[in-house]
Amino acid sequence: MKKRGQFYLIAAVIIIAIILAFVAVSNYYKPKSFVQIEDLKKELEIESLEVLDYMIQNPDSTTLDKFTANFSQYVRSEINITYITDASETLECYYYDQLTKKDLGCSEIGGKVTVYSNGYNYEFEMTDGLDFHFIISQTVGGEHHVVTS
């Protein structure tokens, strides 16, 4: 009995199966969603410092409101930003829903501000000068990511 032909046939089928497996895996594409709030944190820190410097030179109570409204419009809709500031001589905690400014409840005790946002309490240290803090959150793939200033 000659089984050499069967051996070569089985070997050829196995090699073809391995090649098809590599081709199928390399052609498979899974779109990845990514967390971009770390980059937004850096960008917001830099931009807010520039705005606060401008406000010291040119006092105007609407400057910070314009900046936060524009920045909230700039980010994608699945990213939430909560702003905490005392630039208008009173403590404000707010976020933007579409283009509407929505106030959040916050409390200041002993130079620390506590803000309730996204189901959690966040605490920020306030100073004597202009203060600007923020909470950026994003949900990606069922995971909730948060960064603060």
Protein backbone atom coordinates (compact mmCIF):
# COMPACT_ATOMS: atom_id res chain seq x y z
CA MET A 1 0.00 0.00 0.00
CA LYS A 2 1.24 3.39 -0.92
CA LYS A 3 0.19 6.04 1.62
CA ARG A 4 2.75 8.63 0.55
CA GLY A 5 0.17 10.42 -1.60
CA GLN A 6 -2.24 10.67 1.30
CA PHE A 7 0.48 12.19 3.51
CA TYR A 8 1.22 14.93 0.95
CA LEU A 9 -2.47 15.62 0.51
CA ILE A 10 -3.04 16.00 4.27
CA ALA A 11 0.09 18.17 4.62
CA ALA A 12 -1.11 20.43 1.78
CA VAL A 13 -4.54 20.83 3.42
CA ILE A 14 -2.95 21.73 6.78
CA ILE A 15 -0.64 24.32 5.16
CA ILE A 16 -3.56 25.89 3.28
CA ALA A 17 -5.59 26.03 6.50
CA ILE A 18 -2.73 27.79 8.32
CA ILE A 19 -2.33 30.34 5.50
CA LEU A 20 -6.08 31.04 5.46
CA ALA A 21 -6.06 31.51 9.24
CA PHE A 22 -3.31 34.16 8.97
CA VAL A 23 -5.14 35.94 6.16
CA ALA A 24 -8.43 35.93 8.08
CA VAL A 25 -6.79 37.32 11.24
CA SER A 26 -4.89 40.05 9.37
CA ASN A 27 -8.06 41.17 7.55
CA TYR A 28 -10.09 41.40 10.75
CA TYR A 29 -10.63 45.00 11.91
CA LYS A 30 -12.07 46.01 15.23
CA PRO A 31 -12.62 49.74 15.65
CA LYS A 32 -11.16 50.98 18.89
CA SER A 33 -12.69 53.77 20.88
CA PHE A 34 -10.15 55.76 22.78
CA VAL A 35 -10.03 57.89 25.84
CA GLN A 36 -9.01 61.42 24.97
CA ILE A 37 -9.62 63.18 28.27
CA GLU A 38 -5.94 63.19 29.28
CA ASP A 39 -5.16 65.32 26.22
CA LEU A 40 -8.14 67.56 26.95
CA LYS A 41 -6.94 68.01 30.52
CA LYS A 42 -3.56 69.29 29.33
CA GLU A 43 -5.19 71.53 26.75
CA LEU A 44 -7.71 72.96 29.24
CA GLU A 45 -4.97 73.62 31.81
CA ILE A 46 -2.89 75.57 29.29
CA GLU A 47 -5.81 77.50 27.81
CA SER A 48 -7.35 78.33 31.20
CA LEU A 49 -4.04 79.78 32.45
CA GLU A 50 -3.97 82.06 29.42
CA VAL A 51 -7.57 83.13 30.01
CA LEU A 52 -6.95 83.80 33.71
CA ASP A 53 -3.87 85.88 32.82
CA TYR A 54 -5.99 87.83 30.35
CA MET A 55 -8.68 88.37 33.00
CA ILE A 56 -6.12 89.85 35.39
CA GLN A 57 -5.10 92.39 32.72
CA ASN A 58 -8.65 93.02 31.44
CA PRO A 59 -11.26 92.44 34.16
CA ASP A 60 -14.49 91.25 32.56
CA SER A 61 -16.92 88.88 34.24
CA THR A 62 -18.06 87.31 30.96
CA THR A 63 -14.60 86.26 29.70
CA LEU A 64 -14.49 82.99 31.62
CA ASP A 65 -18.11 82.17 30.74
CA LYS A 66 -17.34 82.66 27.04
CA PHE A 67 -14.22 80.52 27.32
CA THR A 68 -15.95 77.63 29.11
CA ALA A 69 -18.91 77.74 26.70
CA ASN A 70 -16.58 77.65 23.68
CA PHE A 71 -14.44 74.86 25.14
CA SER A 72 -17.51 72.78 25.98
CA GLN A 73 -18.72 73.22 22.41
CA TYR A 74 -15.27 72.19 21.13
CA VAL A 75 -15.24 68.79 22.86
CA ARG A 76 -17.32 65.86 21.71
CA SER A 77 -20.77 65.32 23.16
CA GLU A 78 -19.87 62.14 25.08
CA ILE A 79 -17.33 64.07 27.16
CA ASN A 80 -18.66 65.94 30.20
CA ILE A 81 -16.84 68.88 31.75
CA THR A 82 -17.76 70.42 35.07
CA TYR A 83 -16.24 73.82 35.87
CA ILE A 84 -15.52 75.19 39.34
CA THR A 85 -14.51 78.85 39.57
CA ASP A 86 -14.64 81.90 41.79
CA ALA A 87 -13.66 84.41 39.11
CA SER A 88 -16.86 86.46 39.47
CA GLU A 89 -16.32 86.95 43.23
CA THR A 90 -18.78 84.15 44.00
CA LEU A 91 -18.24 80.41 43.86
CA GLU A 92 -19.72 78.82 40.73
CA CYS A 93 -19.98 75.14 39.82
CA TYR A 94 -21.53 74.43 36.45
CA TYR A 95 -21.50 72.44 33.22
CA TYR A 96 -22.94 72.97 29.75
CA ASP A 97 -25.80 70.91 28.36
CA GLN A 98 -25.67 71.68 24.64
CA LEU A 99 -25.30 75.49 24.80
CA THR A 100 -27.12 75.98 28.11
CA LYS A 101 -25.18 76.65 31.30
CA LYS A 102 -26.47 74.40 34.12
CA ASP A 103 -25.58 75.16 37.73
CA LEU A 104 -24.44 72.40 40.08
CA GLY A 105 -24.61 72.46 43.82
CA CYS A 106 -21.27 72.90 45.55
CA SER A 107 -20.21 73.81 49.04
CA GLU A 108 -17.13 75.52 50.42
CA ILE A 109 -15.87 74.63 53.87
CA GLY A 110 -12.51 75.82 55.18
CA GLY A 111 -11.03 76.73 51.81
CA LYS A 112 -12.08 73.45 50.19
CA VAL A 113 -14.89 73.10 47.70
CA THR A 114 -16.90 69.91 47.42
CA VAL A 115 -18.69 69.27 44.13
CA TYR A 116 -21.12 66.45 43.45
CA SER A 117 -20.79 65.41 39.80
CA ASN A 118 -21.45 62.15 37.93
CA GLY A 119 -22.44 60.39 41.15
CA TYR A 120 -19.25 61.23 43.07
CA ASN A 121 -18.02 63.98 45.38
CA TYR A 122 -14.88 65.81 44.27
CA GLU A 123 -12.88 68.12 46.51
CA PHE A 124 -10.78 71.09 45.39
CA GLU A 125 -8.46 73.41 47.30
CA MET A 126 -9.31 77.10 46.77
CA THR A 127 -6.78 79.92 47.04
CA ASP A 128 -7.05 83.67 47.60
CA GLY A 129 -6.71 84.57 43.90
CA LEU A 130 -8.67 83.50 40.85
CA ASP A 131 -9.42 79.80 40.95
CA PHE A 132 -10.37 77.58 38.03
CA HIS A 133 -10.87 73.84 38.44
CA PHE A 134 -12.55 71.25 36.29
CA ILE A 135 -13.74 67.66 36.15
CA ILE A 136 -13.61 65.92 32.77
CA SER A 137 -15.36 62.57 32.39
CA GLN A 138 -15.91 60.18 29.51
CA THR A 139 -17.49 56.73 29.29
CA VAL A 140 -15.79 54.36 26.84
CA GLY A 141 -16.84 50.75 26.45
CA GLY A 142 -18.74 50.71 29.73
CA GLU A 143 -15.78 52.15 31.67
CA HIS A 144 -16.05 55.61 33.25
CA HIS A 145 -12.85 57.68 33.02
CA VAL A 146 -12.37 60.88 35.04
CA VAL A 147 -9.58 63.47 35.32
CA THR A 148 -9.54 66.59 37.47
CA SER A 149 -7.41 69.68 37.66
